[in-house]
Protein backbone atom coordinates (compact mmCIF):
# COMPACT_ATOMS: atom_id res chain seq x y z
CA UNK A 1 0.00 0.00 0.00
CA UNK A 2 2.80 2.43 -0.93
CA UNK A 3 4.03 2.62 2.67
CA UNK A 4 0.72 4.15 3.66
CA UNK A 5 1.63 5.74 6.96
CA UNK A 6 5.31 6.19 6.21
CA UNK A 7 4.92 9.95 5.80
CA UNK A 8 2.60 10.58 8.70
CA UNK A 9 5.01 13.01 10.31
CA UNK A 10 3.97 16.36 11.70
CA UNK A 11 3.11 18.63 8.80
CA UNK A 12 5.40 21.57 8.29
CA UNK A 13 3.82 25.00 8.20
CA UNK A 14 4.84 27.99 6.14
CA UNK A 15 7.02 30.49 7.94
CA UNK A 16 4.70 33.46 8.16
CA UNK A 17 3.53 35.73 10.94
CA UNK A 18 0.53 34.69 12.99
CA UNK A 19 -1.22 37.99 12.28
CA UNK A 20 -2.30 37.74 8.66
CA UNK A 21 -2.23 40.92 6.61
CA UNK A 22 -5.68 40.85 5.03
CA UNK A 23 -4.94 44.11 3.19
CA UNK A 24 -2.10 42.52 1.19
CA UNK A 25 -2.51 42.59 -2.60
CA UNK A 26 -3.65 39.44 -4.39
CA UNK A 27 -4.15 41.16 -7.75
CA UNK A 28 -2.28 44.36 -8.64
CA UNK A 29 -4.33 46.45 -11.04
CA UNK A 30 -3.83 49.78 -12.82
CA UNK A 31 -3.81 53.24 -11.15
CA UNK A 32 -2.30 51.74 -7.96
CA UNK A 33 -5.50 49.80 -7.37
CA UNK A 34 -5.48 46.21 -6.14
CA UNK A 35 -7.68 43.35 -4.96
CA UNK A 36 -6.80 42.68 -1.34
CA UNK A 37 -6.60 39.31 0.36
CA UNK A 38 -9.71 40.19 2.36
CA UNK A 39 -11.64 41.09 -0.80
CA UNK A 40 -10.41 37.92 -2.50
CA UNK A 41 -12.18 35.97 0.24
CA UNK A 42 -15.42 37.01 -1.49
CA UNK A 43 -14.32 35.03 -4.54
CA UNK A 44 -12.68 35.61 -7.93
CA UNK A 45 -14.55 34.67 -11.11
CA UNK A 46 -12.35 34.76 -14.21
CA UNK A 47 -13.87 34.30 -17.68
CA UNK A 48 -12.30 34.39 -21.12
CA UNK A 49 -12.39 32.46 -24.36
CA UNK A 50 -9.84 29.76 -25.09
CA UNK A 51 -6.57 31.52 -25.87
CA UNK A 52 -7.43 34.72 -23.98
CA UNK A 53 -4.46 34.15 -21.62
CA UNK A 54 -6.62 34.04 -18.49
CA UNK A 55 -4.72 31.08 -17.02
CA UNK A 56 -1.31 32.65 -17.60
CA UNK A 57 -2.15 36.21 -16.57
CA UNK A 58 -4.84 37.15 -14.02
CA UNK A 59 -5.39 33.62 -12.67
CA UNK A 60 -1.70 32.93 -12.33
CA UNK A 61 -0.99 36.26 -10.66
CA UNK A 62 -3.65 35.46 -8.07
CA UNK A 63 -2.23 31.97 -7.51
CA UNK A 64 1.31 33.29 -7.08
CA UNK A 65 0.19 35.95 -4.60
CA UNK A 66 -1.79 33.47 -2.48
CA UNK A 67 1.26 31.23 -2.27
CA UNK A 68 3.54 34.16 -1.40
CA UNK A 69 1.18 35.24 1.38
CA UNK A 70 1.40 31.82 3.04
CA UNK A 71 -2.13 30.59 2.33
CA UNK A 72 -3.00 26.93 2.37
CA UNK A 73 -5.23 25.61 -0.37
CA UNK A 74 -6.83 22.93 -2.48
CA UNK A 75 -6.22 22.79 -6.24
CA UNK A 76 -8.63 20.90 -8.49
CA UNK A 77 -7.37 19.80 -11.89
CA UNK A 78 -8.99 19.24 -15.25
CA UNK A 79 -5.80 19.48 -17.28
CA UNK A 80 -2.32 18.40 -16.21
CA UNK A 81 -1.21 21.29 -13.99
CA UNK A 82 1.34 19.60 -11.75
CA UNK A 83 4.45 21.07 -13.41
CA UNK A 84 3.05 24.61 -13.28
CA UNK A 85 2.18 24.42 -9.58
CA UNK A 86 5.50 22.79 -8.69
CA UNK A 87 7.27 25.65 -10.45
CA UNK A 88 5.13 28.27 -8.72
CA UNK A 89 5.61 26.72 -5.28
CA UNK A 90 9.36 26.46 -5.81
CA UNK A 91 9.64 30.10 -6.90
CA UNK A 92 7.59 31.28 -3.91
CA UNK A 93 9.40 29.09 -1.36
CA UNK A 94 6.41 26.78 -0.79
CA UNK A 95 7.58 23.53 -2.39
CA UNK A 96 7.80 21.75 0.97
CA UNK A 97 4.12 22.59 1.59
CA UNK A 98 2.93 21.07 -1.70
CA UNK A 99 1.06 17.74 -1.40
CA UNK A 100 0.76 15.86 -4.69
CA UNK A 101 -2.26 13.61 -4.25
CA UNK A 102 -2.04 10.81 -6.81
CA UNK A 103 -1.62 7.00 -6.88
CA UNK A 104 2.18 7.25 -7.11
CA UNK A 105 2.49 9.09 -3.79
CA UNK A 106 1.65 7.68 -0.33
CA UNK A 107 -1.05 10.21 0.56
CA UNK A 108 -4.50 8.75 1.25
CA UNK A 109 -7.84 10.21 2.36
CA UNK A 110 -11.01 8.40 3.43
CA UNK A 111 -13.72 11.11 3.49
CA UNK A 112 -16.34 8.90 5.19
CA UNK A 113 -14.09 7.87 8.06
CA UNK A 114 -12.87 11.45 8.28
CA UNK A 115 -16.42 12.61 8.96
CA UNK A 116 -17.18 9.87 11.48
CA UNK A 117 -13.92 10.03 13.44
CA UNK A 118 -13.02 13.72 13.40
CA UNK A 119 -13.31 15.87 16.52
CA UNK A 120 -15.63 18.80 17.13
CA UNK A 121 -19.32 19.67 16.76
CA UNK A 122 -21.27 17.58 14.27
CA UNK A 123 -18.65 14.81 14.16
CA UNK A 124 -20.11 11.45 13.19
CA UNK A 125 -23.55 12.86 12.42
CA UNK A 126 -25.48 10.76 9.96
CA UNK A 127 -26.72 13.76 7.99
CA UNK A 128 -23.19 15.02 7.33
CA UNK A 129 -22.13 11.65 5.94
CA UNK A 130 -25.30 11.33 3.85
CA UNK A 131 -24.92 14.82 2.35
CA UNK A 132 -21.30 14.06 1.43
CA UNK A 133 -22.30 10.93 -0.45
CA UNK A 134 -25.41 12.51 -1.96
CA UNK A 135 -23.28 15.23 -3.54
CA UNK A 136 -21.40 12.54 -5.41
CA UNK A 137 -24.57 10.60 -6.26
CA UNK A 138 -26.29 13.70 -7.67
CA UNK A 139 -23.23 14.80 -9.58
CA UNK A 140 -22.77 11.46 -11.33
CA UNK A 141 -26.47 10.86 -12.05
CA UNK A 142 -27.90 14.24 -13.04
CA UNK A 143 -28.81 15.07 -16.63
CA UNK A 144 -26.91 18.22 -17.52
CA UNK A 145 -28.68 18.49 -20.87
CA UNK A 146 -32.11 18.87 -19.30
CA UNK A 147 -31.31 20.48 -15.97
CA UNK A 148 -33.61 19.28 -13.23
CA UNK A 149 -35.23 15.99 -14.13
CA UNK A 150 -38.89 15.23 -13.68
CA UNK A 151 -39.53 14.15 -10.07
CA UNK A 152 -35.85 14.73 -9.24
CA UNK A 153 -36.72 15.82 -5.69
CA UNK A 154 -38.61 12.56 -5.10
CA UNK A 155 -35.73 10.35 -6.22
CA UNK A 156 -33.23 12.45 -4.29
CA UNK A 157 -35.25 12.09 -1.09
CA UNK A 158 -35.68 8.36 -1.68
CA UNK A 159 -31.94 7.87 -2.11
CA UNK A 160 -31.22 10.02 0.95
CA UNK A 161 -33.60 7.93 3.08
CA UNK A 162 -31.87 4.75 1.97
CA UNK A 163 -28.42 6.16 2.73
CA UNK A 164 -29.57 7.63 6.05
CA UNK A 165 -31.02 4.31 7.15
CA UNK A 166 -27.93 2.35 6.08
CA UNK A 167 -25.61 4.78 7.85
CA UNK A 168 -27.66 4.73 11.04
CA UNK A 169 -27.74 0.94 10.94
CA UNK A 170 -23.94 0.66 10.79
CA UNK A 171 -23.53 3.14 13.63
CA UNK A 172 -26.14 1.37 15.78
CA UNK A 173 -24.41 -1.95 15.11
CA UNK A 174 -21.13 -0.48 16.35
CA UNK A 175 -19.44 -0.71 12.97
CA UNK A 176 -17.33 1.82 11.13
CA UNK A 177 -19.13 3.60 8.34
CA UNK A 178 -17.36 2.79 5.08
CA UNK A 179 -18.50 2.90 1.48
CA UNK A 180 -18.07 -0.86 1.21
CA UNK A 181 -20.26 -1.61 4.23
CA UNK A 182 -22.90 0.88 3.09
CA UNK A 183 -22.92 -0.93 -0.24
CA UNK A 184 -23.22 -4.32 1.50
CA UNK A 185 -26.16 -3.13 3.59
CA UNK A 186 -28.02 -1.79 0.57
CA UNK A 187 -27.56 -4.76 -1.77
CA UNK A 188 -28.42 -7.29 0.97
CA UNK A 189 -31.58 -5.50 2.11
CA UNK A 190 -34.80 -7.52 1.65
CA UNK A 191 -36.37 -7.20 -1.77
CA UNK A 192 -39.82 -8.37 -0.67
CA UNK A 193 -41.86 -8.97 2.47
CA UNK A 194 -41.29 -12.70 1.89
CA UNK A 195 -37.53 -12.13 2.29
CA UNK A 196 -38.10 -10.60 5.72
CA UNK A 197 -39.38 -13.91 7.12
CA UNK A 198 -37.05 -16.09 5.06
CA UNK A 199 -34.38 -18.01 7.02
CA UNK A 200 -32.22 -18.17 3.90
CA UNK A 201 -32.24 -14.37 3.57
CA UNK A 202 -31.40 -13.93 7.24
CA UNK A 203 -28.43 -16.32 7.04
CA UNK A 204 -26.92 -14.62 3.97
CA UNK A 205 -27.83 -10.93 4.50
CA UNK A 206 -25.30 -8.46 5.85
CA UNK A 207 -28.21 -6.06 6.41
CA UNK A 208 -29.90 -8.57 8.73
CA UNK A 209 -26.60 -9.26 10.50
CA UNK A 210 -26.29 -5.56 11.31
CA UNK A 211 -29.92 -5.38 12.44
CA UNK A 212 -29.32 -8.29 14.81
CA UNK A 213 -26.13 -6.74 16.18
CA UNK A 214 -27.84 -3.38 16.71
CA UNK A 215 -30.71 -5.10 18.51
CA UNK A 216 -28.33 -6.75 20.99
CA UNK A 217 -26.27 -3.68 21.81
CA UNK A 218 -27.17 -1.41 24.75
CA UNK A 219 -28.85 1.77 23.54
CA UNK A 220 -29.88 5.13 24.84
CA UNK A 221 -33.49 6.25 24.50
CA UNK A 222 -32.54 8.27 21.42
CA UNK A 223 -30.72 5.31 19.86
CA UNK A 224 -33.70 3.08 20.56
CA UNK A 225 -35.94 5.47 18.68
CA UNK A 226 -33.45 5.52 15.79
CA UNK A 227 -33.27 1.73 15.75
CA UNK A 228 -37.04 1.40 15.53
CA UNK A 229 -37.13 3.75 12.53
CA UNK A 230 -34.28 1.87 10.81
CA UNK A 231 -35.83 -1.53 11.50
CA UNK A 232 -39.21 -0.38 10.18
CA UNK A 233 -37.55 0.95 7.06
CA UNK A 234 -35.60 -2.21 6.18
CA UNK A 235 -38.14 -4.78 7.38
CA UNK A 236 -41.37 -3.16 6.22
CA UNK A 237 -41.19 -0.01 4.10
CA UNK A 238 -38.27 -0.84 1.79
CA UNK A 239 -39.33 -4.41 0.88
CA UNK A 240 -42.91 -3.19 0.47
CA UNK A 241 -41.96 -0.58 -2.13
CA UNK A 242 -42.68 -1.28 -5.80
CA UNK A 243 -39.91 -3.06 -7.69
CA UNK A 244 -39.38 -0.11 -10.05
CA UNK A 245 -39.13 2.49 -7.30
CA UNK A 246 -36.83 0.31 -5.22
CA UNK A 247 -34.52 -0.56 -8.14
CA UNK A 248 -34.13 3.07 -9.23
CA UNK A 249 -33.37 4.20 -5.68
CA UNK A 250 -30.80 1.44 -5.17
CA UNK A 251 -29.15 1.95 -8.55
CA UNK A 252 -28.63 5.66 -7.86
CA UNK A 253 -26.38 4.77 -4.97
CA UNK A 254 -24.76 1.53 -6.18
CA UNK A 255 -23.73 3.00 -9.53
CA UNK A 256 -21.79 5.66 -7.64
CA UNK A 257 -20.38 3.18 -5.12
CA UNK A 258 -19.17 0.94 -7.91
CA UNK A 259 -16.45 3.34 -9.01
CA UNK A 260 -15.44 4.05 -5.40
CA UNK A 261 -15.02 0.35 -4.63
CA UNK A 262 -12.71 -0.46 -7.51
CA UNK A 263 -9.00 -0.12 -8.16
CA UNK A 264 -7.45 3.32 -7.76
CA UNK A 265 -10.31 5.07 -5.97
CA UNK A 266 -10.67 2.23 -3.48
CA UNK A 267 -6.96 2.40 -2.63
CA UNK A 268 -6.88 6.18 -2.35
CA UNK A 269 -10.21 6.90 -0.65
CA UNK A 270 -10.96 3.72 1.30
CA UNK A 271 -7.56 2.57 2.50
CA UNK A 272 -6.78 4.76 5.49
CA UNK A 273 -6.06 8.45 5.95
CA UNK A 274 -2.80 10.36 6.36
CA UNK A 275 -3.86 13.71 4.88
CA UNK A 276 -7.11 15.61 5.46
CA UNK A 277 -8.56 18.98 4.37
CA UNK A 278 -7.55 20.41 7.77
CA UNK A 279 -3.95 20.25 6.58
CA UNK A 280 -4.62 23.34 4.46
CA UNK A 281 -5.20 25.27 7.70
CA UNK A 282 -1.60 24.42 8.60
CA UNK A 283 -0.29 25.73 5.29
CA UNK A 284 -0.46 22.67 3.08
CA UNK A 285 -1.28 23.10 -0.62
CA UNK A 286 -3.09 19.96 -1.78
CA UNK A 287 -2.98 19.36 -5.54
CA UNK A 288 -5.42 16.66 -6.70
CA UNK A 289 -3.11 15.34 -9.40
CA UNK A 290 -5.77 13.22 -11.10
CA UNK A 291 -6.97 15.52 -13.90
CA UNK A 292 -10.31 14.80 -15.52
CA UNK A 293 -8.86 14.85 -19.04
CA UNK A 294 -6.46 12.04 -18.11
CA UNK A 295 -8.35 10.02 -15.50
CA UNK A 296 -11.92 10.40 -16.75
CA UNK A 297 -14.62 9.32 -14.25
CA UNK A 298 -11.96 8.36 -11.69
CA UNK A 299 -10.46 11.84 -11.80
CA UNK A 300 -13.89 13.43 -11.61
CA UNK A 301 -14.76 11.52 -8.44
CA UNK A 302 -11.37 12.17 -6.87
CA UNK A 303 -11.57 15.91 -7.41
CA UNK A 304 -15.19 16.13 -6.32
CA UNK A 305 -14.59 14.14 -3.12
CA UNK A 306 -11.76 16.46 -2.15
CA UNK A 307 -13.72 19.57 -3.06
CA UNK A 308 -16.79 18.57 -1.04
CA UNK A 309 -14.77 17.49 2.00
CA UNK A 310 -12.67 20.67 1.84
CA UNK A 311 -15.71 22.96 1.65
CA UNK A 312 -17.33 21.29 4.64
CA UNK A 313 -14.11 21.35 6.62
CA UNK A 314 -13.45 25.03 5.98
CA UNK A 315 -17.02 26.10 6.73
CA UNK A 316 -16.94 24.57 10.21
CA UNK A 317 -13.52 25.81 11.30
CA UNK A 318 -13.10 28.49 13.96
CA UNK A 319 -10.95 31.24 12.43
CA UNK A 320 -10.12 32.54 15.89
CA UNK A 321 -8.28 29.29 16.57
CA UNK A 322 -7.16 28.58 12.99
CA UNK A 323 -6.86 31.97 11.24
CA UNK A 324 -4.70 31.08 8.22
CA UNK A 325 -6.36 32.16 4.93
CA UNK A 326 -6.91 29.32 2.46
CA UNK A 327 -8.01 29.06 -1.16
CA UNK A 328 -9.91 26.75 -3.49
CA UNK A 329 -8.45 27.04 -7.00
CA UNK A 330 -10.21 25.49 -10.01
CA UNK A 331 -9.10 26.23 -13.56
CA UNK A 332 -11.84 24.95 -15.88
CA UNK A 333 -13.76 24.80 -12.62
CA UNK A 334 -17.17 24.42 -14.26
CA UNK A 335 -16.50 20.70 -14.55
CA UNK A 336 -16.76 20.33 -10.76
CA UNK A 337 -19.68 22.62 -9.95
CA UNK A 338 -22.54 21.27 -7.83
CA UNK A 339 -25.65 22.61 -6.11
CA UNK A 340 -23.88 23.50 -2.84
CA UNK A 341 -21.32 25.83 -4.46
CA UNK A 342 -23.61 28.83 -4.34
CA UNK A 343 -24.20 28.34 -0.60
CA UNK A 344 -20.48 27.92 0.01
CA UNK A 345 -19.77 31.10 -1.90
CA UNK A 346 -22.09 33.06 0.38
CA UNK A 347 -20.22 31.99 3.53
CA UNK A 348 -16.61 31.35 2.51
CA UNK A 349 -15.49 34.90 3.28
CA UNK A 350 -16.23 34.48 6.99
CA UNK A 351 -14.25 31.22 6.84
CA UNK A 352 -11.29 33.02 5.23
CA UNK A 353 -11.40 31.01 2.02
CA UNK A 354 -10.77 32.55 -1.39
CA UNK A 355 -12.60 30.69 -4.13
CA UNK A 356 -11.06 31.14 -7.60
CA UNK A 357 -13.17 29.84 -10.49
CA UNK A 358 -11.67 30.05 -13.99
CA UNK A 359 -13.82 29.21 -17.01
CA UNK A 360 -14.53 30.30 -20.58
CA UNK A 361 -18.05 31.67 -20.30
CA UNK A 362 -21.39 31.61 -18.49
CA UNK A 363 -22.70 28.96 -20.87
CA UNK A 364 -20.25 26.54 -19.27
CA UNK A 365 -21.94 27.08 -15.92
CA UNK A 366 -25.33 26.28 -17.47
CA UNK A 367 -23.93 23.14 -19.08
CA UNK A 368 -22.51 22.01 -15.74
CA UNK A 369 -25.54 22.83 -13.59
CA UNK A 370 -28.22 22.11 -16.20
CA UNK A 371 -29.55 24.18 -19.08
CA UNK A 372 -33.12 24.11 -17.72
CA UNK A 373 -34.58 26.90 -15.62
CA UNK A 374 -33.33 25.38 -12.35
CA UNK A 375 -29.79 24.96 -13.67
CA UNK A 376 -29.69 28.49 -15.03
CA UNK A 377 -30.98 29.83 -11.71
CA UNK A 378 -28.18 27.98 -9.90
CA UNK A 379 -25.62 29.46 -12.28
CA UNK A 380 -26.95 33.01 -11.79
CA UNK A 381 -27.02 32.56 -8.02
CA UNK A 382 -23.41 31.39 -8.03
CA UNK A 383 -22.23 34.30 -10.17
CA UNK A 384 -24.02 36.83 -7.99
CA UNK A 385 -21.98 35.71 -5.00
CA UNK A 386 -18.51 36.46 -6.43
CA UNK A 387 -16.97 39.67 -5.13
CA UNK A 388 -14.67 40.20 -8.12
CA UNK A 389 -15.35 39.30 -11.75
CA UNK A 390 -12.57 39.49 -14.35
CA UNK A 391 -13.54 39.49 -18.01
CA UNK A 392 -10.95 38.64 -20.66
CA UNK A 393 -11.49 38.66 -24.42
CA UNK A 394 -14.63 36.66 -25.18
CA UNK A 395 -16.97 35.78 -28.03
CA UNK A 396 -19.81 34.51 -25.84
CA UNK A 397 -22.75 36.92 -26.24
CA UNK A 398 -24.27 36.14 -22.83
CA UNK A 399 -20.97 36.61 -21.02
CA UNK A 400 -20.24 39.87 -22.79
CA UNK A 401 -23.80 41.11 -22.20
CA UNK A 402 -23.43 40.42 -18.46
CA UNK A 403 -20.06 42.16 -18.37
CA UNK A 404 -21.55 45.17 -20.14
CA UNK A 405 -24.49 45.29 -17.71
CA UNK A 406 -22.18 45.10 -14.69
CA UNK A 407 -20.22 48.09 -15.95
CA UNK A 408 -23.44 50.11 -15.90
CA UNK A 409 -25.06 52.69 -18.14
CA UNK A 410 -24.56 56.38 -18.79
CA UNK A 411 -26.93 59.14 -19.85
CA UNK A 412 -26.29 60.40 -23.38
CA UNK A 413 -27.93 62.95 -25.70
CA UNK A 414 -29.33 61.53 -28.93
CA UNK A 415 -30.10 63.82 -31.89
CA UNK A 416 -32.97 63.18 -34.29
CA UNK A 417 -34.30 64.93 -37.41
CA UNK A 418 -37.13 64.52 -39.93
CA UNK A 419 -38.30 66.15 -43.20
CA UNK A 420 -41.62 65.53 -44.97
CA UNK A 421 -43.00 66.65 -48.38
CA UNK A 422 -46.43 66.36 -49.95
CA UNK A 423 -46.97 64.33 -53.13
CA UNK A 424 -47.00 67.34 -55.53
CA UNK A 425 -43.70 68.58 -54.19
CA UNK A 426 -42.15 65.13 -54.78
CA UNK A 427 -43.23 65.14 -58.48
CA UNK A 428 -41.92 68.67 -58.90
CA UNK A 429 -38.55 67.47 -57.75
CA UNK A 430 -38.61 64.50 -60.14
CA UNK A 431 -39.48 66.78 -63.15
CA UNK A 432 -36.93 69.39 -62.23
CA UNK A 433 -39.59 71.96 -61.42
CA UNK A 434 -38.70 72.36 -57.75
CA UNK A 435 -38.15 76.09 -58.56
CA UNK A 436 -41.90 76.33 -58.44
CA UNK A 437 -41.70 75.88 -54.64
CA UNK A 438 -43.18 73.17 -52.44
CA UNK A 439 -44.87 72.59 -49.15
CA UNK A 440 -43.66 70.30 -46.34
CA UNK A 441 -42.10 70.36 -42.90
CA UNK A 442 -38.76 69.80 -41.20
CA UNK A 443 -38.18 68.91 -37.54
CA UNK A 444 -35.19 68.25 -35.29
CA UNK A 445 -34.74 67.38 -31.65
CA UNK A 446 -32.66 65.86 -28.89
CA UNK A 447 -33.48 63.20 -26.31
CA UNK A 448 -31.73 61.72 -23.30
CA UNK A 449 -31.19 57.98 -23.24
CA UNK A 450 -29.30 55.50 -21.08
CA UNK A 451 -26.70 53.52 -23.01
CA UNK A 452 -24.11 50.97 -21.81
CA UNK A 453 -20.82 52.53 -20.74
CA UNK A 454 -19.11 49.58 -22.44
CA UNK A 455 -20.98 47.91 -25.28
CA UNK A 456 -20.90 44.09 -25.27
CA UNK A 457 -18.86 44.17 -28.48
CA UNK A 458 -16.02 45.92 -26.62
CA UNK A 459 -15.17 42.64 -24.89
CA UNK A 460 -14.48 40.97 -28.23
CA UNK A 461 -11.72 43.52 -28.92
CA UNK A 462 -9.67 43.05 -25.75
CA UNK A 463 -6.10 41.96 -26.40
CA UNK A 464 -5.62 38.25 -25.71
CA UNK A 465 -1.90 38.07 -24.97
CA UNK A 466 0.63 36.15 -27.01
CA UNK A 467 3.60 37.41 -29.00
CA UNK A 468 1.47 39.56 -31.31
CA UNK A 469 0.28 41.55 -28.28
CA UNK A 470 3.61 41.72 -26.51
CA UNK A 471 2.40 39.00 -24.08
CA UNK A 472 -0.11 41.41 -22.55
CA UNK A 473 -3.78 40.65 -21.94
CA UNK A 474 -6.45 43.31 -21.48
CA UNK A 475 -9.29 42.70 -19.03
CA UNK A 476 -12.16 44.49 -17.38
CA UNK A 477 -12.23 43.97 -13.61
CA UNK A 478 -15.59 44.42 -11.87
CA UNK A 479 -16.01 44.70 -8.09
CA UNK A 480 -19.42 43.93 -6.63
CA UNK A 481 -20.61 46.61 -4.24
CA UNK A 482 -17.34 48.56 -4.06
CA UNK A 483 -15.82 51.45 -6.00
CA UNK A 484 -12.31 51.83 -7.30
CA UNK A 485 -10.81 54.93 -5.69
CA UNK A 486 -9.13 56.18 -8.84
CA UNK A 487 -12.22 56.14 -11.04
CA UNK A 488 -15.23 56.15 -8.73
CA UNK A 489 -16.68 53.22 -10.70
CA UNK A 490 -17.15 49.54 -9.97
CA UNK A 491 -15.15 48.56 -13.04
CA UNK A 492 -11.58 49.15 -14.16
CA UNK A 493 -9.64 48.39 -17.38
CA UNK A 494 -6.45 46.50 -16.56
CA UNK A 495 -3.58 45.04 -18.54
CA UNK A 496 -1.91 41.89 -17.18
CA UNK A 497 1.48 40.61 -18.23
CA UNK A 498 1.55 36.91 -18.99
CA UNK A 499 3.48 34.75 -16.50
CA UNK A 500 5.16 31.72 -18.04
């Protein structure tokens, strides 16, 4: 097992002062303006078409600054980014803090056991474990082409009840909650009321074995009430459900478990723990070196498990005890979006976590969260919770329209004029007899209108870096609810130098 606990030494922390300078610059802009570390905690959304240099300019400057300031963090990967982050960490003196999480290294993380065995409020709570697994179930089963599916809430609640009952059963039986044992409980549950009274089912069922163990163990009044609910579920309600409903509910969970119980994911997420999300609070930078483009479904699950566990860990920490700022960095981050991201974005500032999401356009968010009304609402809610939005060159009409709207409108004067002639006057002109005179009228006027300060088309003309542009990329930076001192506006044109 790669010498699993060989490296379980005390984690080193970055050598930085205990009092964090929240006014330090994360992004240096024009006119001596900057985005501070405190403001970055409200989130950075960076959008730009492929080739707009967003990853090598604004996003990379933010990453470099967060490393220099001593932040811990989690890095999700879609493309192979290991070499870039190793180079950045080395240049900023943080290479010893970098954790490369992949099958070749000894680091392992069991998110279920982490939730059941950690210390502090809420530790071991069934609902926390169920929500962690349900995030993965929903992510792998949802239809991104149609957004919310018909009766999605019903199937979600059905799957949650099954997981909740299986988790409670393992805890009541005095067993550790693992993905494998949850799977064993579910697939061995009675499929009919006849199974419940069958001696053959009882002899071969892991579910019944756990029910028997839970029945024998001493229980508190609260645990007795829980046991009665669990027993009723598995011995009456579940086997009494229609075959179709039961099979769909079970398959939602088992199809997700299947990938977690095989090969690489089983070894890395169900074989012990020697690194947890709390390590970022000590200055560790965890790179999930299993990019989606290389690892496919395995990489997707690995990144999503880390992301979900990290978000939950950071949200419950006490910044008075653990004040180090941390970050969640996701280039091509739309691949790992889920329904809880919007909620996390509303609270991450108080947890001192800077969320950096880099993507091409808003349409990517719709594609990830669902192109239906519900998915689009989730995407808009997420965007509305970012404190800073950075727009690079783009050809997406929706993205450019949003950027234009965020920059606001200005009042302008519009001139208008009009001339009219009667029919006889028009024929006189045609015959060359206009010297005879004519009748008609002429009018002119001005009106005030509100027009965009920056038209949407302006974002298609921003320089996109590269040799032809002297390796400089133009962007428009928008701050939500705050003005730039130098301009008195919420937006600012900025030129970033590419960082290779």
